[in-house]
Amino acid sequence: MEEWMQLKTYLIDNGYSSNESKDWWIAKSLASTTGWTSAYEEGVIGYDQASNNRTGFSAFPGGMREKKSWNPDYYFNNGSRKCVWWSTVPSSGSEGYAKTIWMYYTGSTSMTDSELRKEGVSIRCVKD
């Protein structure tokens, strides 16, 4: 999570966000230029995808493997709508869960959530 916050701070400090309270422009600067579900709100990832990825990060929507209470089997969901990455931070008070960072085609980035470690989300390796 610390490295993600460093990236977010760098992007804000270097003009990749027009408003610090809205992470939409940060998400657009990280998102790939293809593969996302289309959206109609200016500034979100799914809107004018050709203007995405000013940073070269190329976050591609991969969805996640999850299990819902109404479905007894694991399945892949939101393949063109979101990308989710594991962090190394366990969720406090929730054994078997870890923090994730995700981006959604109509929303922002750097939102953290807790996912069950049995569910499948992406990883991103960065060379130090």
C-alpha atoms as a PDB file:
ATOM      1  CA  MET A   1       0.000   0.000   0.000  1.00  0.00           C
ATOM      2  CA  GLU A   2       2.912   2.332   0.708  1.00  0.00           C
ATOM      3  CA  GLU A   3       4.194   2.071  -2.867  1.00  0.00           C
ATOM      4  CA  TRP A   4       0.693   2.657  -4.243  1.00  0.00           C
ATOM      5  CA  MET A   5       0.384   5.815  -2.118  1.00  0.00           C
ATOM      6  CA  GLN A   6       3.810   6.961  -3.369  1.00  0.00           C
ATOM      7  CA  LEU A   7       2.624   6.483  -6.955  1.00  0.00           C
ATOM      8  CA  LYS A   8      -0.595   8.394  -6.264  1.00  0.00           C
ATOM      9  CA  THR A   9       1.317  11.265  -4.633  1.00  0.00           C
ATOM     10  CA  TYR A  10       3.735  11.407  -7.584  1.00  0.00           C
ATOM     11  CA  LEU A  11       0.857  11.547 -10.067  1.00  0.00           C
ATOM     12  CA  ILE A  12      -0.915  14.316  -8.143  1.00  0.00           C
ATOM     13  CA  ASP A  13       2.312  16.317  -7.749  1.00  0.00           C
ATOM     14  CA  ASN A  14       3.053  16.003 -11.476  1.00  0.00           C
ATOM     15  CA  GLY A  15      -0.318  17.090 -12.839  1.00  0.00           C
ATOM     16  CA  TYR A  16      -2.009  13.772 -13.558  1.00  0.00           C
ATOM     17  CA  SER A  17      -5.003  14.769 -11.436  1.00  0.00           C
ATOM     18  CA  SER A  18      -6.968  17.959 -11.923  1.00  0.00           C
ATOM     19  CA  ASN A  19      -8.503  17.651  -8.468  1.00  0.00           C
ATOM     20  CA  GLU A  20      -6.969  15.725  -5.552  1.00  0.00           C
ATOM     21  CA  SER A  21     -10.396  14.750  -4.209  1.00  0.00           C
ATOM     22  CA  LYS A  22     -11.239  13.039  -7.523  1.00  0.00           C
ATOM     23  CA  ASP A  23      -8.985  10.179  -8.523  1.00  0.00           C
ATOM     24  CA  TRP A  24     -10.652   9.804 -11.916  1.00  0.00           C
ATOM     25  CA  TRP A  25      -7.878  11.532 -13.836  1.00  0.00           C
ATOM     26  CA  ILE A  26      -5.289   9.448 -12.013  1.00  0.00           C
ATOM     27  CA  ALA A  27      -7.163   6.306 -13.058  1.00  0.00           C
ATOM     28  CA  LYS A  28      -7.295   7.483 -16.688  1.00  0.00           C
ATOM     29  CA  SER A  29      -3.563   8.158 -16.633  1.00  0.00           C
ATOM     30  CA  LEU A  30      -2.906   4.556 -15.497  1.00  0.00           C
ATOM     31  CA  ALA A  31      -5.533   2.681 -17.539  1.00  0.00           C
ATOM     32  CA  SER A  32      -4.819   1.005 -20.885  1.00  0.00           C
ATOM     33  CA  THR A  33      -6.307   2.575 -23.999  1.00  0.00           C
ATOM     34  CA  THR A  34      -8.344  -0.518 -24.902  1.00  0.00           C
ATOM     35  CA  GLY A  35     -10.356  -3.268 -23.286  1.00  0.00           C
ATOM     36  CA  TRP A  36     -12.574  -1.222 -20.976  1.00  0.00           C
ATOM     37  CA  THR A  37     -16.367  -1.063 -21.080  1.00  0.00           C
ATOM     38  CA  SER A  38     -17.472   2.275 -22.575  1.00  0.00           C
ATOM     39  CA  ALA A  39     -18.793   4.971 -20.249  1.00  0.00           C
ATOM     40  CA  TYR A  40     -20.371   8.364 -20.888  1.00  0.00           C
ATOM     41  CA  GLU A  41     -19.076  10.507 -18.022  1.00  0.00           C
ATOM     42  CA  GLU A  42     -16.089  12.664 -18.928  1.00  0.00           C
ATOM     43  CA  GLY A  43     -12.963  11.891 -16.934  1.00  0.00           C
ATOM     44  CA  VAL A  44     -13.627   8.240 -16.159  1.00  0.00           C
ATOM     45  CA  ILE A  45     -11.619   5.348 -17.609  1.00  0.00           C
ATOM     46  CA  GLY A  46     -14.339   4.137 -19.978  1.00  0.00           C
ATOM     47  CA  TYR A  47     -14.819   7.581 -21.553  1.00  0.00           C
ATOM     48  CA  ASP A  48     -12.605   8.424 -24.549  1.00  0.00           C
ATOM     49  CA  GLN A  49     -10.263   5.496 -23.908  1.00  0.00           C
ATOM     50  CA  ALA A  50      -7.759   6.769 -26.469  1.00  0.00           C
ATOM     51  CA  SER A  51      -6.850   9.490 -23.940  1.00  0.00           C
ATOM     52  CA  ASN A  52      -6.020   6.934 -21.214  1.00  0.00           C
ATOM     53  CA  ASN A  53      -2.525   5.788 -20.174  1.00  0.00           C
ATOM     54  CA  ARG A  54      -0.530   9.022 -20.144  1.00  0.00           C
ATOM     55  CA  THR A  55       1.833   7.330 -17.655  1.00  0.00           C
ATOM     56  CA  GLY A  56       2.493   4.164 -19.676  1.00  0.00           C
ATOM     57  CA  PHE A  57       1.344   1.991 -16.736  1.00  0.00           C
ATOM     58  CA  SER A  58      -1.217   0.207 -18.995  1.00  0.00           C
ATOM     59  CA  ALA A  59      -3.640  -1.105 -16.378  1.00  0.00           C
ATOM     60  CA  PHE A  60      -5.780  -3.597 -18.275  1.00  0.00           C
ATOM     61  CA  PRO A  61      -9.168  -4.723 -16.931  1.00  0.00           C
ATOM     62  CA  GLY A  62      -8.952  -8.342 -15.860  1.00  0.00           C
ATOM     63  CA  GLY A  63     -11.887  -8.564 -13.508  1.00  0.00           C
ATOM     64  CA  MET A  64     -11.599 -11.083 -10.715  1.00  0.00           C
ATOM     65  CA  ARG A  65     -12.436 -14.646  -9.760  1.00  0.00           C
ATOM     66  CA  GLU A  66     -15.036 -14.504  -7.026  1.00  0.00           C
ATOM     67  CA  LYS A  67     -17.777 -16.396  -5.284  1.00  0.00           C
ATOM     68  CA  LYS A  68     -21.123 -14.896  -4.351  1.00  0.00           C
ATOM     69  CA  SER A  69     -23.470 -16.250  -1.706  1.00  0.00           C
ATOM     70  CA  TRP A  70     -26.086 -17.005  -4.359  1.00  0.00           C
ATOM     71  CA  ASN A  71     -23.663 -18.993  -6.512  1.00  0.00           C
ATOM     72  CA  PRO A  72     -21.913 -22.080  -5.090  1.00  0.00           C
ATOM     73  CA  ASP A  73     -19.070 -21.937  -7.646  1.00  0.00           C
ATOM     74  CA  TYR A  74     -16.232 -19.481  -8.238  1.00  0.00           C
ATOM     75  CA  TYR A  75     -16.522 -17.588 -11.507  1.00  0.00           C
ATOM     76  CA  PHE A  76     -14.808 -14.706 -13.329  1.00  0.00           C
ATOM     77  CA  ASN A  77     -16.655 -11.405 -13.173  1.00  0.00           C
ATOM     78  CA  ASN A  78     -16.291  -7.843 -14.500  1.00  0.00           C
ATOM     79  CA  GLY A  79     -13.632  -8.727 -17.070  1.00  0.00           C
ATOM     80  CA  SER A  80     -13.918  -5.446 -18.978  1.00  0.00           C
ATOM     81  CA  ARG A  81     -15.117  -3.279 -16.100  1.00  0.00           C
ATOM     82  CA  LYS A  82     -12.428  -3.398 -13.436  1.00  0.00           C
ATOM     83  CA  CYS A  83      -8.925  -4.392 -12.554  1.00  0.00           C
ATOM     84  CA  VAL A  84      -7.958  -5.460  -9.061  1.00  0.00           C
ATOM     85  CA  TRP A  85      -4.514  -5.998  -7.568  1.00  0.00           C
ATOM     86  CA  TRP A  86      -3.464  -7.693  -4.367  1.00  0.00           C
ATOM     87  CA  SER A  87      -1.481  -5.711  -1.838  1.00  0.00           C
ATOM     88  CA  THR A  88       0.840  -7.235   0.727  1.00  0.00           C
ATOM     89  CA  VAL A  89      -1.288  -5.799   3.542  1.00  0.00           C
ATOM     90  CA  PRO A  90      -3.608  -8.200   5.398  1.00  0.00           C
ATOM     91  CA  SER A  91      -7.011  -6.871   6.424  1.00  0.00           C
ATOM     92  CA  SER A  92      -7.066  -5.996  10.079  1.00  0.00           C
ATOM     93  CA  GLY A  93      -9.448  -8.205  12.025  1.00  0.00           C
ATOM     94  CA  SER A  94     -10.349 -10.306   8.998  1.00  0.00           C
ATOM     95  CA  GLU A  95      -8.355 -13.526   8.875  1.00  0.00           C
ATOM     96  CA  GLY A  96      -7.996 -14.891   5.354  1.00  0.00           C
ATOM     97  CA  TYR A  97      -8.518 -11.455   3.771  1.00  0.00           C
ATOM     98  CA  ALA A  98      -6.047  -9.042   2.204  1.00  0.00           C
ATOM     99  CA  LYS A  99      -6.290  -5.438   1.034  1.00  0.00           C
ATOM    100  CA  THR A 100      -6.706  -4.800  -2.668  1.00  0.00           C
ATOM    101  CA  ILE A 101      -6.389  -1.766  -4.910  1.00  0.00           C
ATOM    102  CA  TRP A 102      -8.752  -1.479  -7.823  1.00  0.00           C
ATOM    103  CA  MET A 103      -9.913   0.642 -10.720  1.00  0.00           C
ATOM    104  CA  TYR A 104     -13.409   0.641 -12.218  1.00  0.00           C
ATOM    105  CA  TYR A 105     -14.429   1.815 -15.676  1.00  0.00           C
ATOM    106  CA  THR A 106     -16.881   4.429 -14.329  1.00  0.00           C
ATOM    107  CA  GLY A 107     -14.964   5.400 -11.227  1.00  0.00           C
ATOM    108  CA  SER A 108     -11.633   6.064  -9.717  1.00  0.00           C
ATOM    109  CA  THR A 109      -8.518   4.333  -8.543  1.00  0.00           C
ATOM    110  CA  SER A 110      -6.661   3.841  -5.275  1.00  0.00           C
ATOM    111  CA  MET A 111      -9.796   2.587  -3.611  1.00  0.00           C
ATOM    112  CA  THR A 112      -8.936  -0.118  -1.125  1.00  0.00           C
ATOM    113  CA  ASP A 113     -11.102  -3.048  -0.270  1.00  0.00           C
ATOM    114  CA  SER A 114     -10.678  -6.400   1.398  1.00  0.00           C
ATOM    115  CA  GLU A 115     -10.966  -9.582  -0.596  1.00  0.00           C
ATOM    116  CA  LEU A 116     -10.920 -13.168   0.524  1.00  0.00           C
ATOM    117  CA  ARG A 117      -7.514 -14.592  -0.346  1.00  0.00           C
ATOM    118  CA  LYS A 118      -9.205 -17.566  -2.035  1.00  0.00           C
ATOM    119  CA  GLU A 119     -10.575 -15.215  -4.684  1.00  0.00           C
ATOM    120  CA  GLY A 120      -8.468 -14.443  -7.707  1.00  0.00           C
ATOM    121  CA  VAL A 121      -7.208 -10.991  -8.553  1.00  0.00           C
ATOM    122  CA  SER A 122      -4.189  -9.730 -10.465  1.00  0.00           C
ATOM    123  CA  ILE A 123      -0.711  -8.906  -9.267  1.00  0.00           C
ATOM    124  CA  ARG A 124       1.642  -6.272 -10.622  1.00  0.00           C
ATOM    125  CA  CYS A 125       5.370  -6.825 -10.307  1.00  0.00           C
ATOM    126  CA  VAL A 126       7.597  -3.788 -10.195  1.00  0.00           C
ATOM    127  CA  LYS A 127      11.364  -3.996 -10.455  1.00  0.00           C
ATOM    128  CA  ASP A 128      13.031  -2.075  -7.612  1.00  0.00           C
END
